[in-house]
Amino acid sequence: MQKIATRILLLLTVLFTFTSCEIVGGIFKAGMGVGIFIVIAIIGVLIFAFSKLFGGNK
């Protein structure tokens, strides 16, 4: 019972200390960074694949 009360108190503390705008802003910043990384990685893989496929042996 003590463990559940501690978790609820921690959750309430987090909810009251952070505003919703800060949380949403942080999520979008992290999402945008991950999205940019994934796009760059996919473009890199495509360039690598096309260079291996059409580049020939040099």
C-alpha atoms as a PDB file:
ATOM      1  CA  MET A   1       0.000   0.000   0.000  1.00  0.00           C
ATOM      2  CA  GLN A   2       2.884   2.365   0.767  1.00  0.00           C
ATOM      3  CA  LYS A   3       4.341   1.784  -2.724  1.00  0.00           C
ATOM      4  CA  ILE A   4       1.073   2.748  -4.427  1.00  0.00           C
ATOM      5  CA  ALA A   5       0.734   5.894  -2.299  1.00  0.00           C
ATOM      6  CA  THR A   6       4.291   6.907  -3.190  1.00  0.00           C
ATOM      7  CA  ARG A   7       3.604   6.473  -6.905  1.00  0.00           C
ATOM      8  CA  ILE A   8       0.386   8.483  -6.718  1.00  0.00           C
ATOM      9  CA  LEU A   9       2.145  11.270  -4.800  1.00  0.00           C
ATOM     10  CA  LEU A  10       4.961  11.327  -7.360  1.00  0.00           C
ATOM     11  CA  LEU A  11       2.472  11.436 -10.255  1.00  0.00           C
ATOM     12  CA  LEU A  12       0.549  14.303  -8.661  1.00  0.00           C
ATOM     13  CA  THR A  13       3.778  16.206  -8.040  1.00  0.00           C
ATOM     14  CA  VAL A  14       4.791  15.839 -11.678  1.00  0.00           C
ATOM     15  CA  LEU A  15       1.346  16.867 -12.893  1.00  0.00           C
ATOM     16  CA  PHE A  16       1.311  20.023 -10.793  1.00  0.00           C
ATOM     17  CA  THR A  17       4.896  21.097 -11.485  1.00  0.00           C
ATOM     18  CA  PHE A  18       4.825  20.787 -15.281  1.00  0.00           C
ATOM     19  CA  THR A  19       2.456  22.767 -17.413  1.00  0.00           C
ATOM     20  CA  SER A  20       0.867  21.003 -20.350  1.00  0.00           C
ATOM     21  CA  CYS A  21       2.537  23.357 -22.829  1.00  0.00           C
ATOM     22  CA  GLU A  22       6.007  22.398 -21.592  1.00  0.00           C
ATOM     23  CA  ILE A  23       5.237  18.700 -21.861  1.00  0.00           C
ATOM     24  CA  VAL A  24       3.736  18.973 -25.349  1.00  0.00           C
ATOM     25  CA  GLY A  25       6.581  21.222 -26.494  1.00  0.00           C
ATOM     26  CA  GLY A  26       9.151  18.713 -25.247  1.00  0.00           C
ATOM     27  CA  ILE A  27       7.400  15.847 -27.009  1.00  0.00           C
ATOM     28  CA  PHE A  28       7.291  17.724 -30.316  1.00  0.00           C
ATOM     29  CA  LYS A  29      10.944  18.782 -30.058  1.00  0.00           C
ATOM     30  CA  ALA A  30      12.003  15.187 -29.411  1.00  0.00           C
ATOM     31  CA  GLY A  31       9.716  13.911 -32.174  1.00  0.00           C
ATOM     32  CA  MET A  32      11.062  16.410 -34.677  1.00  0.00           C
ATOM     33  CA  GLY A  33      14.661  15.456 -33.861  1.00  0.00           C
ATOM     34  CA  VAL A  34      13.940  11.758 -34.230  1.00  0.00           C
ATOM     35  CA  GLY A  35      12.015  12.369 -37.441  1.00  0.00           C
ATOM     36  CA  ILE A  36      14.875  14.329 -38.991  1.00  0.00           C
ATOM     37  CA  PHE A  37      17.326  11.595 -37.979  1.00  0.00           C
ATOM     38  CA  ILE A  38      15.140   8.876 -39.546  1.00  0.00           C
ATOM     39  CA  VAL A  39      14.752  10.824 -42.804  1.00  0.00           C
ATOM     40  CA  ILE A  40      18.516  11.386 -43.057  1.00  0.00           C
ATOM     41  CA  ALA A  41      19.173   7.712 -42.299  1.00  0.00           C
ATOM     42  CA  ILE A  42      16.717   6.555 -44.993  1.00  0.00           C
ATOM     43  CA  ILE A  43      18.241   8.914 -47.576  1.00  0.00           C
ATOM     44  CA  GLY A  44      21.710   7.609 -46.663  1.00  0.00           C
ATOM     45  CA  VAL A  45      20.603   3.997 -47.049  1.00  0.00           C
ATOM     46  CA  LEU A  46      18.990   4.757 -50.413  1.00  0.00           C
ATOM     47  CA  ILE A  47      22.125   6.506 -51.698  1.00  0.00           C
ATOM     48  CA  PHE A  48      24.258   3.595 -50.508  1.00  0.00           C
ATOM     49  CA  ALA A  49      21.935   1.034 -52.136  1.00  0.00           C
ATOM     50  CA  PHE A  50      21.810   2.896 -55.455  1.00  0.00           C
ATOM     51  CA  SER A  51      25.576   3.326 -55.506  1.00  0.00           C
ATOM     52  CA  LYS A  52      26.057  -0.411 -54.938  1.00  0.00           C
ATOM     53  CA  LEU A  53      23.367  -1.323 -57.439  1.00  0.00           C
ATOM     54  CA  PHE A  54      24.291   1.013 -60.295  1.00  0.00           C
ATOM     55  CA  GLY A  55      27.860   1.944 -59.412  1.00  0.00           C
ATOM     56  CA  GLY A  56      29.481  -1.166 -60.819  1.00  0.00           C
ATOM     57  CA  ASN A  57      32.912  -2.421 -59.795  1.00  0.00           C
ATOM     58  CA  LYS A  58      35.544   0.258 -59.896  1.00  0.00           C
END
